[in-house]
């Protein structure tokens, strides 16, 4: 999570490319587009290039962490 925010802030960018998103989340292209198409991360097309909103990547990570915490808490009960 911190690495994603550091990457965003160090570049001063508000958007990421598909490749940058793949690298930040350590996922493949198909999973990246699955997240885009399902609305889990926000994006738009600029010319011929898709741009992903960095804050939506961060929000996705936060949701995944919360889901994982809930899953672990359920196991402990």
PDB file of N, CA and C in Angstrom:
ATOM      1  N   UNK A   1       0.820  -1.184   0.000  1.00  0.00           N
ATOM      2  CA  UNK A   1       0.000   0.000   0.000  1.00  0.00           C
ATOM      3  C   UNK A   1       0.864   1.247   0.000  1.00  0.00           C
ATOM      4  N   UNK A   2       1.823   1.329   0.902  1.00  0.00           N
ATOM      5  CA  UNK A   2       2.662   2.516   0.974  1.00  0.00           C
ATOM      6  C   UNK A   2       3.425   2.725  -0.323  1.00  0.00           C
ATOM      7  N   UNK A   3       3.868   1.643  -0.949  1.00  0.00           N
ATOM      8  CA  UNK A   3       4.612   1.778  -2.195  1.00  0.00           C
ATOM      9  C   UNK A   3       3.755   2.445  -3.270  1.00  0.00           C
ATOM     10  N   UNK A   4       2.475   2.100  -3.326  1.00  0.00           N
ATOM     11  CA  UNK A   4       1.590   2.712  -4.310  1.00  0.00           C
ATOM     12  C   UNK A   4       1.494   4.210  -4.077  1.00  0.00           C
ATOM     13  N   UNK A   5       1.310   4.613  -2.828  1.00  0.00           N
ATOM     14  CA  UNK A   5       1.219   6.040  -2.524  1.00  0.00           C
ATOM     15  C   UNK A   5       2.545   6.731  -2.814  1.00  0.00           C
ATOM     16  N   UNK A   6       3.666   6.075  -2.481  1.00  0.00           N
ATOM     17  CA  UNK A   6       4.974   6.662  -2.756  1.00  0.00           C
ATOM     18  C   UNK A   6       5.174   6.848  -4.253  1.00  0.00           C
ATOM     19  N   UNK A   7       4.786   5.852  -5.029  1.00  0.00           N
ATOM     20  CA  UNK A   7       4.924   5.943  -6.477  1.00  0.00           C
ATOM     21  C   UNK A   7       4.113   7.116  -6.999  1.00  0.00           C
ATOM     22  N   UNK A   8       2.901   7.244  -6.506  1.00  0.00           N
ATOM     23  CA  UNK A   8       2.043   8.346  -6.938  1.00  0.00           C
ATOM     24  C   UNK A   8       2.648   9.682  -6.553  1.00  0.00           C
ATOM     25  N   UNK A   9       3.030   9.818  -5.301  1.00  0.00           N
ATOM     26  CA  UNK A   9       3.499  11.118  -4.840  1.00  0.00           C
ATOM     27  C   UNK A   9       4.851  11.476  -5.426  1.00  0.00           C
ATOM     28  N   UNK A  10       5.709  10.481  -5.640  1.00  0.00           N
ATOM     29  CA  UNK A  10       7.031  10.789  -6.181  1.00  0.00           C
ATOM     30  C   UNK A  10       6.944  11.271  -7.622  1.00  0.00           C
ATOM     31  N   UNK A  11       5.964  10.818  -8.337  1.00  0.00           N
ATOM     32  CA  UNK A  11       5.785  11.245  -9.723  1.00  0.00           C
ATOM     33  C   UNK A  11       4.897  12.471  -9.817  1.00  0.00           C
ATOM     34  N   UNK A  12       4.150  12.739  -8.771  1.00  0.00           N
ATOM     35  CA  UNK A  12       3.209  13.839  -8.816  1.00  0.00           C
ATOM     36  C   UNK A  12       2.047  13.568  -9.751  1.00  0.00           C
ATOM     37  N   UNK A  13       1.878  12.320 -10.146  1.00  0.00           N
ATOM     38  CA  UNK A  13       0.850  11.956 -11.114  1.00  0.00           C
ATOM     39  C   UNK A  13      -0.458  11.617 -10.416  1.00  0.00           C
ATOM     40  N   UNK A  14      -1.535  11.924 -11.071  1.00  0.00           N
ATOM     41  CA  UNK A  14      -2.855  11.553 -10.583  1.00  0.00           C
ATOM     42  C   UNK A  14      -3.359  10.288 -11.253  1.00  0.00           C
ATOM     43  N   UNK A  15      -2.741   9.933 -12.380  1.00  0.00           N
ATOM     44  CA  UNK A  15      -3.167   8.758 -13.132  1.00  0.00           C
ATOM     45  C   UNK A  15      -1.977   7.847 -13.410  1.00  0.00           C
ATOM     46  N   UNK A  16      -2.305   6.587 -13.672  1.00  0.00           N
ATOM     47  CA  UNK A  16      -1.304   5.579 -14.006  1.00  0.00           C
ATOM     48  C   UNK A  16      -1.685   4.933 -15.329  1.00  0.00           C
ATOM     49  N   UNK A  17      -0.709   4.369 -15.989  1.00  0.00           N
ATOM     50  CA  UNK A  17      -0.981   3.575 -17.181  1.00  0.00           C
ATOM     51  C   UNK A  17      -1.407   2.178 -16.746  1.00  0.00           C
ATOM     52  N   UNK A  18      -1.886   1.394 -17.689  1.00  0.00           N
ATOM     53  CA  UNK A  18      -2.227   0.006 -17.387  1.00  0.00           C
ATOM     54  C   UNK A  18      -0.977  -0.727 -16.904  1.00  0.00           C
ATOM     55  N   UNK A  19       0.145  -0.508 -17.555  1.00  0.00           N
ATOM     56  CA  UNK A  19       1.393  -1.175 -17.151  1.00  0.00           C
ATOM     57  C   UNK A  19       1.820  -0.778 -15.746  1.00  0.00           C
ATOM     58  N   UNK A  20       1.691   0.503 -15.404  1.00  0.00           N
ATOM     59  CA  UNK A  20       2.040   0.950 -14.052  1.00  0.00           C
ATOM     60  C   UNK A  20       1.107   0.338 -13.017  1.00  0.00           C
ATOM     61  N   UNK A  21      -0.164   0.219 -13.363  1.00  0.00           N
ATOM     62  CA  UNK A  21      -1.131  -0.402 -12.464  1.00  0.00           C
ATOM     63  C   UNK A  21      -0.799  -1.869 -12.257  1.00  0.00           C
ATOM     64  N   UNK A  22      -0.462  -2.547 -13.348  1.00  0.00           N
ATOM     65  CA  UNK A  22      -0.073  -3.955 -13.255  1.00  0.00           C
ATOM     66  C   UNK A  22       1.126  -4.111 -12.322  1.00  0.00           C
ATOM     67  N   UNK A  23       2.103  -3.254 -12.468  1.00  0.00           N
ATOM     68  CA  UNK A  23       3.307  -3.326 -11.638  1.00  0.00           C
ATOM     69  C   UNK A  23       2.996  -2.997 -10.182  1.00  0.00           C
ATOM     70  N   UNK A  24       2.188  -1.977  -9.957  1.00  0.00           N
ATOM     71  CA  UNK A  24       1.867  -1.562  -8.590  1.00  0.00           C
ATOM     72  C   UNK A  24       1.111  -2.646  -7.834  1.00  0.00           C
ATOM     73  N   UNK A  25       0.193  -3.323  -8.519  1.00  0.00           N
ATOM     74  CA  UNK A  25      -0.627  -4.345  -7.879  1.00  0.00           C
ATOM     75  C   UNK A  25      -0.061  -5.755  -8.038  1.00  0.00           C
ATOM     76  N   UNK A  26       1.008  -5.877  -8.822  1.00  0.00           N
ATOM     77  CA  UNK A  26       1.619  -7.190  -9.086  1.00  0.00           C
ATOM     78  C   UNK A  26       0.586  -8.161  -9.660  1.00  0.00           C
ATOM     79  N   UNK A  27      -0.139  -7.681 -10.673  1.00  0.00           N
ATOM     80  CA  UNK A  27      -1.155  -8.490 -11.341  1.00  0.00           C
ATOM     81  C   UNK A  27      -0.947  -8.399 -12.847  1.00  0.00           C
ATOM     82  N   UNK A  28      -1.609  -9.275 -13.567  1.00  0.00           N
ATOM     83  CA  UNK A  28      -1.490  -9.288 -15.019  1.00  0.00           C
ATOM     84  C   UNK A  28      -2.478  -8.350 -15.693  1.00  0.00           C
ATOM     85  N   UNK A  29      -2.351  -8.262 -16.998  1.00  0.00           N
ATOM     86  CA  UNK A  29      -3.201  -7.384 -17.804  1.00  0.00           C
ATOM     87  C   UNK A  29      -4.674  -7.796 -17.711  1.00  0.00           C
ATOM     88  N   UNK A  30      -4.951  -9.104 -17.777  1.00  0.00           N
ATOM     89  CA  UNK A  30      -6.344  -9.566 -17.729  1.00  0.00           C
ATOM     90  C   UNK A  30      -7.001  -9.180 -16.408  1.00  0.00           C
ATOM     91  N   UNK A  31      -6.303  -9.368 -15.300  1.00  0.00           N
ATOM     92  CA  UNK A  31      -6.848  -9.002 -13.988  1.00  0.00           C
ATOM     93  C   UNK A  31      -7.026  -7.488 -13.890  1.00  0.00           C
ATOM     94  N   UNK A  32      -6.101  -6.731 -14.447  1.00  0.00           N
ATOM     95  CA  UNK A  32      -6.218  -5.270 -14.434  1.00  0.00           C
ATOM     96  C   UNK A  32      -7.492  -4.838 -15.153  1.00  0.00           C
ATOM     97  N   UNK A  33      -7.744  -5.392 -16.330  1.00  0.00           N
ATOM     98  CA  UNK A  33      -8.955  -5.037 -17.068  1.00  0.00           C
ATOM     99  C   UNK A  33     -10.210  -5.571 -16.382  1.00  0.00           C
ATOM    100  N   UNK A  34     -10.100  -6.685 -15.687  1.00  0.00           N
ATOM    101  CA  UNK A  34     -11.226  -7.191 -14.901  1.00  0.00           C
ATOM    102  C   UNK A  34     -11.602  -6.173 -13.814  1.00  0.00           C
ATOM    103  N   UNK A  35     -10.597  -5.619 -13.143  1.00  0.00           N
ATOM    104  CA  UNK A  35     -10.846  -4.608 -12.111  1.00  0.00           C
ATOM    105  C   UNK A  35     -11.447  -3.342 -12.713  1.00  0.00           C
ATOM    106  N   UNK A  36     -10.968  -2.954 -13.879  1.00  0.00           N
ATOM    107  CA  UNK A  36     -11.508  -1.772 -14.565  1.00  0.00           C
ATOM    108  C   UNK A  36     -12.958  -2.021 -14.977  1.00  0.00           C
ATOM    109  N   UNK A  37     -13.202  -3.138 -15.645  1.00  0.00           N
ATOM    110  CA  UNK A  37     -14.536  -3.429 -16.174  1.00  0.00           C
ATOM    111  C   UNK A  37     -15.573  -3.651 -15.082  1.00  0.00           C
ATOM    112  N   UNK A  38     -15.132  -4.117 -13.915  1.00  0.00           N
ATOM    113  CA  UNK A  38     -16.058  -4.332 -12.801  1.00  0.00           C
ATOM    114  C   UNK A  38     -16.256  -3.066 -11.973  1.00  0.00           C
ATOM    115  N   UNK A  39     -15.518  -2.011 -12.296  1.00  0.00           N
ATOM    116  CA  UNK A  39     -15.650  -0.755 -11.567  1.00  0.00           C
ATOM    117  C   UNK A  39     -14.875  -0.699 -10.265  1.00  0.00           C
ATOM    118  N   UNK A  40     -14.034  -1.690 -10.020  1.00  0.00           N
ATOM    119  CA  UNK A  40     -13.267  -1.701  -8.774  1.00  0.00           C
ATOM    120  C   UNK A  40     -12.138  -0.683  -8.778  1.00  0.00           C
ATOM    121  N   UNK A  41     -11.644  -0.344  -9.962  1.00  0.00           N
ATOM    122  CA  UNK A  41     -10.728   0.783 -10.106  1.00  0.00           C
ATOM    123  C   UNK A  41     -11.265   1.655 -11.239  1.00  0.00           C
ATOM    124  N   UNK A  42     -11.057   2.947 -11.114  1.00  0.00           N
ATOM    125  CA  UNK A  42     -11.602   3.906 -12.072  1.00  0.00           C
ATOM    126  C   UNK A  42     -10.587   4.229 -13.156  1.00  0.00           C
ATOM    127  N   UNK A  43     -11.098   4.390 -14.367  1.00  0.00           N
ATOM    128  CA  UNK A  43     -10.214   4.732 -15.479  1.00  0.00           C
ATOM    129  C   UNK A  43     -10.992   5.499 -16.537  1.00  0.00           C
ATOM    130  N   UNK A  44     -10.238   6.041 -17.475  1.00  0.00           N
ATOM    131  CA  UNK A  44     -10.813   6.704 -18.639  1.00  0.00           C
ATOM    132  C   UNK A  44      -9.825   6.557 -19.786  1.00  0.00           C
ATOM    133  N   UNK A  45     -10.307   6.797 -20.988  1.00  0.00           N
ATOM    134  CA  UNK A  45      -9.446   6.710 -22.161  1.00  0.00           C
ATOM    135  C   UNK A  45      -9.094   8.119 -22.609  1.00  0.00           C
ATOM    136  N   UNK A  46      -7.804   8.347 -22.797  1.00  0.00           N
ATOM    137  CA  UNK A  46      -7.281   9.622 -23.294  1.00  0.00           C
ATOM    138  C   UNK A  46      -6.582   9.316 -24.610  1.00  0.00           C
ATOM    139  N   UNK A  47      -7.197   9.709 -25.711  1.00  0.00           N
ATOM    140  CA  UNK A  47      -6.648   9.346 -27.015  1.00  0.00           C
ATOM    141  C   UNK A  47      -6.745   7.839 -27.183  1.00  0.00           C
ATOM    142  N   UNK A  48      -5.609   7.192 -27.351  1.00  0.00           N
ATOM    143  CA  UNK A  48      -5.604   5.732 -27.484  1.00  0.00           C
ATOM    144  C   UNK A  48      -5.066   5.059 -26.228  1.00  0.00           C
ATOM    145  N   UNK A  49      -4.942   5.817 -25.152  1.00  0.00           N
ATOM    146  CA  UNK A  49      -4.330   5.307 -23.928  1.00  0.00           C
ATOM    147  C   UNK A  49      -5.318   5.311 -22.769  1.00  0.00           C
ATOM    148  N   UNK A  50      -5.379   4.201 -22.033  1.00  0.00           N
ATOM    149  CA  UNK A  50      -6.230   4.123 -20.852  1.00  0.00           C
ATOM    150  C   UNK A  50      -5.450   4.651 -19.658  1.00  0.00           C
ATOM    151  N   UNK A  51      -6.096   5.494 -18.872  1.00  0.00           N
ATOM    152  CA  UNK A  51      -5.501   6.070 -17.667  1.00  0.00           C
ATOM    153  C   UNK A  51      -6.291   5.596 -16.456  1.00  0.00           C
ATOM    154  N   UNK A  52      -5.587   5.130 -15.438  1.00  0.00           N
ATOM    155  CA  UNK A  52      -6.211   4.651 -14.213  1.00  0.00           C
ATOM    156  C   UNK A  52      -5.932   5.663 -13.113  1.00  0.00           C
ATOM    157  N   UNK A  53      -6.950   5.989 -12.350  1.00  0.00           N
ATOM    158  CA  UNK A  53      -6.831   6.964 -11.270  1.00  0.00           C
ATOM    159  C   UNK A  53      -6.072   6.327 -10.104  1.00  0.00           C
ATOM    160  N   UNK A  54      -4.929   6.941  -9.714  1.00  0.00           N
ATOM    161  CA  UNK A  54      -4.111   6.384  -8.626  1.00  0.00           C
ATOM    162  C   UNK A  54      -4.910   6.212  -7.347  1.00  0.00           C
ATOM    163  N   UNK A  55      -5.762   7.183  -7.020  1.00  0.00           N
ATOM    164  CA  UNK A  55      -6.518   7.077  -5.770  1.00  0.00           C
ATOM    165  C   UNK A  55      -7.454   5.874  -5.784  1.00  0.00           C
ATOM    166  N   UNK A  56      -7.945   5.477  -6.959  1.00  0.00           N
ATOM    167  CA  UNK A  56      -8.808   4.297  -7.019  1.00  0.00           C
ATOM    168  C   UNK A  56      -7.996   3.019  -6.824  1.00  0.00           C
ATOM    169  N   UNK A  57      -6.726   3.041  -7.210  1.00  0.00           N
ATOM    170  CA  UNK A  57      -5.838   1.903  -6.938  1.00  0.00           C
ATOM    171  C   UNK A  57      -5.635   1.793  -5.430  1.00  0.00           C
ATOM    172  N   UNK A  58      -5.363   2.917  -4.800  1.00  0.00           N
ATOM    173  CA  UNK A  58      -5.185   2.942  -3.349  1.00  0.00           C
ATOM    174  C   UNK A  58      -6.464   2.468  -2.649  1.00  0.00           C
ATOM    175  N   UNK A  59      -7.621   2.955  -3.093  1.00  0.00           N
ATOM    176  CA  UNK A  59      -8.897   2.549  -2.499  1.00  0.00           C
ATOM    177  C   UNK A  59      -9.121   1.050  -2.658  1.00  0.00           C
ATOM    178  N   UNK A  60      -8.766   0.502  -3.806  1.00  0.00           N
ATOM    179  CA  UNK A  60      -8.895  -0.936  -4.041  1.00  0.00           C
ATOM    180  C   UNK A  60      -8.054  -1.714  -3.032  1.00  0.00           C
ATOM    181  N   UNK A  61      -6.827  -1.279  -2.816  1.00  0.00           N
ATOM    182  CA  UNK A  61      -5.949  -1.950  -1.855  1.00  0.00           C
ATOM    183  C   UNK A  61      -6.554  -1.878  -0.455  1.00  0.00           C
ATOM    184  N   UNK A  62      -7.058  -0.723  -0.083  1.00  0.00           N
ATOM    185  CA  UNK A  62      -7.686  -0.566   1.237  1.00  0.00           C
ATOM    186  C   UNK A  62      -8.875  -1.520   1.396  1.00  0.00           C
ATOM    187  N   UNK A  63      -9.709  -1.642   0.364  1.00  0.00           N
ATOM    188  CA  UNK A  63     -10.848  -2.567   0.420  1.00  0.00           C
ATOM    189  C   UNK A  63     -10.382  -4.002   0.560  1.00  0.00           C
ATOM    190  N   UNK A  64      -9.351  -4.367  -0.198  1.00  0.00           N
ATOM    191  CA  UNK A  64      -8.829  -5.736  -0.127  1.00  0.00           C
ATOM    192  C   UNK A  64      -8.274  -6.043   1.261  1.00  0.00           C
ATOM    193  N   UNK A  65      -7.583  -5.076   1.861  1.00  0.00           N
ATOM    194  CA  UNK A  65      -7.063  -5.259   3.215  1.00  0.00           C
ATOM    195  C   UNK A  65      -8.199  -5.429   4.221  1.00  0.00           C
ATOM    196  N   UNK A  66      -9.253  -4.639   4.083  1.00  0.00           N
ATOM    197  CA  UNK A  66     -10.406  -4.756   4.973  1.00  0.00           C
ATOM    198  C   UNK A  66     -11.081  -6.113   4.803  1.00  0.00           C
ATOM    199  N   UNK A  67     -11.216  -6.576   3.554  1.00  0.00           N
ATOM    200  CA  UNK A  67     -11.798  -7.897   3.297  1.00  0.00           C
ATOM    201  C   UNK A  67     -10.951  -8.988   3.934  1.00  0.00           C
ATOM    202  N   UNK A  68      -9.649  -8.863   3.812  1.00  0.00           N
ATOM    203  CA  UNK A  68      -8.746  -9.860   4.388  1.00  0.00           C
ATOM    204  C   UNK A  68      -8.846  -9.867   5.910  1.00  0.00           C
ATOM    205  N   UNK A  69      -8.934  -8.695   6.505  1.00  0.00           N
ATOM    206  CA  UNK A  69      -9.069  -8.610   7.959  1.00  0.00           C
ATOM    207  C   UNK A  69     -10.368  -9.262   8.413  1.00  0.00           C
ATOM    208  N   UNK A  70     -11.451  -9.004   7.690  1.00  0.00           N
ATOM    209  CA  UNK A  70     -12.739  -9.618   8.010  1.00  0.00           C
ATOM    210  C   UNK A  70     -12.656 -11.132   7.877  1.00  0.00           C
ATOM    211  N   UNK A  71     -12.001 -11.590   6.832  1.00  0.00           N
ATOM    212  CA  UNK A  71     -11.854 -13.033   6.623  1.00  0.00           C
ATOM    213  C   UNK A  71     -11.078 -13.666   7.768  1.00  0.00           C
ATOM    214  N   UNK A  72      -9.990 -13.029   8.174  1.00  0.00           N
ATOM    215  CA  UNK A  72      -9.178 -13.553   9.277  1.00  0.00           C
ATOM    216  C   UNK A  72      -9.948 -13.532  10.585  1.00  0.00           C
ATOM    217  N   UNK A  73     -10.706 -12.464  10.829  1.00  0.00           N
ATOM    218  CA  UNK A  73     -11.503 -12.376  12.055  1.00  0.00           C
ATOM    219  C   UNK A  73     -12.555 -13.474  12.091  1.00  0.00           C
ATOM    220  N   UNK A  74     -13.133 -13.800  10.953  1.00  0.00           N
ATOM    221  CA  UNK A  74     -14.121 -14.866  10.870  1.00  0.00           C
ATOM    222  C   UNK A  74     -13.532 -16.225  11.177  1.00  0.00           C
ATOM    223  N   UNK A  75     -12.301 -16.439  10.787  1.00  0.00           N
ATOM    224  CA  UNK A  75     -11.615 -17.703  11.074  1.00  0.00           C
ATOM    225  C   UNK A  75     -11.294 -17.843  12.553  1.00  0.00           C
ATOM    226  N   UNK A  76     -10.972 -16.720  13.190  1.00  0.00           N
ATOM    227  CA  UNK A  76     -10.553 -16.750  14.587  1.00  0.00           C
ATOM    228  C   UNK A  76     -11.727 -17.025  15.520  1.00  0.00           C
ATOM    229  N   UNK A  77     -12.937 -16.731  15.077  1.00  0.00           N
ATOM    230  CA  UNK A  77     -14.109 -16.888  15.943  1.00  0.00           C
ATOM    231  C   UNK A  77     -14.488 -18.326  16.142  1.00  0.00           C
TER     232      UNK A  77
END
